[in-house]
Amino acid sequence: MRTQELLAARLRVIARATPWCLQALHAVEQLGLPHCCIGAGAVRNLVWDAFHGYAARWPRVTILAWVGVV
């Protein structure tokens, strides 16, 4: 497996193990937009928190407020 594929697989594992990320992905799916994605800042925070063993940075109520959709 190539490095890029390994990193993508690792990111999927992290995303699936993180409740706020699954919530965000579901919310974006519900928008029904033909082409969209979650912004890089949310992905960066997801990976940073996972690598450093942090739980969610903010209370659950505000987590989805900072997830950008492009």
N, C-alpha and C. Protein backbone atom coordinates (compact mmCIF):
# COMPACT_ATOMS: atom_id res chain seq x y z
N MET A 1 0.85 -1.18 0.00
CA MET A 1 0.00 0.00 0.00
C MET A 1 0.90 1.24 0.00
N ARG A 2 0.53 2.21 -0.79
CA ARG A 2 1.31 3.46 -0.86
C ARG A 2 1.08 4.32 0.37
N THR A 3 2.00 5.25 0.58
CA THR A 3 1.93 6.13 1.73
C THR A 3 0.61 6.90 1.77
N GLN A 4 0.19 7.44 0.63
CA GLN A 4 -1.06 8.20 0.58
C GLN A 4 -2.25 7.34 0.96
N GLU A 5 -2.26 6.10 0.51
CA GLU A 5 -3.36 5.19 0.86
C GLU A 5 -3.34 4.86 2.34
N LEU A 6 -2.16 4.68 2.89
CA LEU A 6 -2.04 4.39 4.33
C LEU A 6 -2.53 5.57 5.16
N LEU A 7 -2.16 6.78 4.76
CA LEU A 7 -2.62 7.97 5.49
C LEU A 7 -4.13 8.14 5.39
N ALA A 8 -4.69 7.88 4.21
CA ALA A 8 -6.15 7.97 4.03
C ALA A 8 -6.85 6.94 4.90
N ALA A 9 -6.31 5.74 4.96
CA ALA A 9 -6.91 4.68 5.80
C ALA A 9 -6.84 5.08 7.28
N ARG A 10 -5.72 5.66 7.68
CA ARG A 10 -5.56 6.09 9.06
C ARG A 10 -6.56 7.20 9.41
N LEU A 11 -6.76 8.13 8.48
CA LEU A 11 -7.72 9.21 8.69
C LEU A 11 -9.14 8.65 8.82
N ARG A 12 -9.49 7.67 8.01
CA ARG A 12 -10.82 7.05 8.12
C ARG A 12 -11.03 6.41 9.48
N VAL A 13 -10.01 5.74 9.98
CA VAL A 13 -10.10 5.11 11.31
C VAL A 13 -10.34 6.18 12.38
N ILE A 14 -9.58 7.26 12.31
CA ILE A 14 -9.74 8.35 13.29
C ILE A 14 -11.14 8.95 13.20
N ALA A 15 -11.60 9.21 11.99
CA ALA A 15 -12.92 9.83 11.79
C ALA A 15 -14.03 8.93 12.33
N ARG A 16 -13.93 7.65 12.06
CA ARG A 16 -14.97 6.71 12.53
C ARG A 16 -14.98 6.55 14.04
N ALA A 17 -13.86 6.85 14.68
CA ALA A 17 -13.76 6.70 16.14
C ALA A 17 -14.10 7.99 16.88
N THR A 18 -14.47 9.03 16.14
CA THR A 18 -14.70 10.34 16.76
C THR A 18 -16.16 10.76 16.57
N PRO A 19 -16.95 10.74 17.64
CA PRO A 19 -18.38 11.02 17.52
C PRO A 19 -18.72 12.35 16.85
N TRP A 20 -18.01 13.45 17.20
CA TRP A 20 -18.37 14.73 16.58
C TRP A 20 -18.11 14.71 15.08
N CYS A 21 -17.10 13.98 14.65
CA CYS A 21 -16.81 13.90 13.22
C CYS A 21 -17.91 13.13 12.50
N LEU A 22 -18.35 12.03 13.09
CA LEU A 22 -19.45 11.28 12.49
C LEU A 22 -20.72 12.12 12.42
N GLN A 23 -20.97 12.92 13.46
CA GLN A 23 -22.13 13.82 13.46
C GLN A 23 -22.01 14.83 12.32
N ALA A 24 -20.82 15.39 12.16
CA ALA A 24 -20.60 16.39 11.12
C ALA A 24 -20.78 15.77 9.73
N LEU A 25 -20.23 14.59 9.53
CA LEU A 25 -20.37 13.92 8.24
C LEU A 25 -21.84 13.62 7.92
N HIS A 26 -22.56 13.20 8.94
CA HIS A 26 -23.99 12.92 8.75
C HIS A 26 -24.75 14.21 8.43
N ALA A 27 -24.43 15.28 9.13
CA ALA A 27 -25.11 16.57 8.89
C ALA A 27 -24.84 17.05 7.47
N VAL A 28 -23.61 16.93 7.00
CA VAL A 28 -23.27 17.35 5.64
C VAL A 28 -24.01 16.48 4.62
N GLU A 29 -24.08 15.19 4.90
CA GLU A 29 -24.81 14.28 4.00
C GLU A 29 -26.28 14.70 3.89
N GLN A 30 -26.86 15.13 5.01
CA GLN A 30 -28.27 15.53 5.03
C GLN A 30 -28.54 16.79 4.22
N LEU A 31 -27.50 17.58 3.97
CA LEU A 31 -27.68 18.78 3.15
C LEU A 31 -28.02 18.44 1.71
N GLY A 32 -27.61 17.27 1.26
CA GLY A 32 -27.93 16.83 -0.09
C GLY A 32 -27.22 17.62 -1.19
N LEU A 33 -26.11 18.24 -0.86
CA LEU A 33 -25.37 19.01 -1.86
C LEU A 33 -24.64 18.06 -2.81
N PRO A 34 -24.57 18.40 -4.09
CA PRO A 34 -23.93 17.49 -5.05
C PRO A 34 -22.43 17.32 -4.82
N HIS A 35 -21.74 18.39 -4.43
CA HIS A 35 -20.29 18.33 -4.19
C HIS A 35 -19.96 19.21 -2.99
N CYS A 36 -19.51 18.60 -1.92
CA CYS A 36 -19.12 19.37 -0.75
C CYS A 36 -18.19 18.54 0.11
N CYS A 37 -17.53 19.20 1.02
CA CYS A 37 -16.67 18.49 1.96
C CYS A 37 -16.54 19.32 3.23
N ILE A 38 -16.05 18.68 4.26
CA ILE A 38 -15.80 19.35 5.53
C ILE A 38 -14.47 20.08 5.40
N GLY A 39 -14.43 21.31 5.89
CA GLY A 39 -13.24 22.14 5.74
C GLY A 39 -12.00 21.57 6.43
N ALA A 40 -10.86 22.01 5.95
CA ALA A 40 -9.57 21.50 6.42
C ALA A 40 -9.31 21.76 7.89
N GLY A 41 -9.84 22.86 8.42
CA GLY A 41 -9.61 23.16 9.84
C GLY A 41 -10.18 22.08 10.75
N ALA A 42 -11.37 21.60 10.43
CA ALA A 42 -11.98 20.55 11.23
C ALA A 42 -11.19 19.25 11.11
N VAL A 43 -10.70 18.96 9.90
CA VAL A 43 -9.90 17.75 9.69
C VAL A 43 -8.59 17.87 10.46
N ARG A 44 -7.99 19.03 10.42
CA ARG A 44 -6.74 19.26 11.16
C ARG A 44 -6.95 19.04 12.66
N ASN A 45 -8.04 19.61 13.21
CA ASN A 45 -8.33 19.44 14.63
C ASN A 45 -8.59 17.98 14.97
N LEU A 46 -9.29 17.29 14.09
CA LEU A 46 -9.56 15.86 14.28
C LEU A 46 -8.27 15.09 14.44
N VAL A 47 -7.34 15.29 13.52
CA VAL A 47 -6.08 14.56 13.53
C VAL A 47 -5.20 14.99 14.71
N TRP A 48 -5.10 16.29 14.95
CA TRP A 48 -4.30 16.80 16.06
C TRP A 48 -4.77 16.20 17.38
N ASP A 49 -6.07 16.27 17.62
CA ASP A 49 -6.63 15.75 18.87
C ASP A 49 -6.37 14.25 19.01
N ALA A 50 -6.53 13.51 17.92
CA ALA A 50 -6.31 12.06 17.98
C ALA A 50 -4.84 11.74 18.28
N PHE A 51 -3.92 12.43 17.64
CA PHE A 51 -2.50 12.16 17.84
C PHE A 51 -2.01 12.57 19.21
N HIS A 52 -2.68 13.55 19.82
CA HIS A 52 -2.25 14.03 21.12
C HIS A 52 -3.12 13.53 22.27
N GLY A 53 -4.07 12.67 21.96
CA GLY A 53 -4.89 12.06 23.00
C GLY A 53 -5.90 12.99 23.64
N TYR A 54 -6.28 14.06 22.93
CA TYR A 54 -7.25 14.99 23.47
C TYR A 54 -8.67 14.50 23.21
N ALA A 55 -9.54 14.77 24.15
CA ALA A 55 -10.97 14.55 23.92
C ALA A 55 -11.46 15.79 23.16
N ALA A 56 -12.75 15.89 22.95
CA ALA A 56 -13.30 17.06 22.25
C ALA A 56 -12.83 18.33 22.93
N ARG A 57 -12.46 19.33 22.14
CA ARG A 57 -11.94 20.58 22.67
C ARG A 57 -13.01 21.44 23.33
N TRP A 58 -14.22 21.40 22.81
CA TRP A 58 -15.29 22.27 23.29
C TRP A 58 -16.48 21.42 23.71
N PRO A 59 -17.40 22.03 24.45
CA PRO A 59 -18.61 21.29 24.83
C PRO A 59 -19.34 20.79 23.58
N ARG A 60 -19.99 19.66 23.69
CA ARG A 60 -20.67 19.02 22.55
C ARG A 60 -21.59 19.98 21.81
N VAL A 61 -22.21 20.87 22.52
CA VAL A 61 -23.18 21.78 21.91
C VAL A 61 -22.53 22.66 20.85
N THR A 62 -21.29 23.03 21.04
CA THR A 62 -20.65 23.98 20.12
C THR A 62 -19.77 23.32 19.08
N ILE A 63 -19.53 22.05 19.16
CA ILE A 63 -18.58 21.40 18.26
C ILE A 63 -18.96 21.60 16.79
N LEU A 64 -20.19 21.35 16.43
CA LEU A 64 -20.57 21.47 15.03
C LEU A 64 -20.60 22.91 14.55
N ALA A 65 -20.57 23.86 15.47
CA ALA A 65 -20.60 25.26 15.07
C ALA A 65 -19.33 25.68 14.35
N TRP A 66 -18.20 25.00 14.58
CA TRP A 66 -16.96 25.40 13.94
C TRP A 66 -16.55 24.50 12.79
N VAL A 67 -17.41 23.61 12.35
CA VAL A 67 -17.10 22.74 11.21
C VAL A 67 -17.55 23.45 9.94
N GLY A 68 -16.58 23.84 9.11
CA GLY A 68 -16.89 24.51 7.86
C GLY A 68 -17.23 23.51 6.76
N VAL A 69 -18.17 23.87 5.92
CA VAL A 69 -18.53 23.02 4.78
C VAL A 69 -18.26 23.83 3.51
N VAL A 70 -17.49 23.25 2.63
CA VAL A 70 -17.15 23.92 1.37
C VAL A 70 -17.57 23.08 0.19
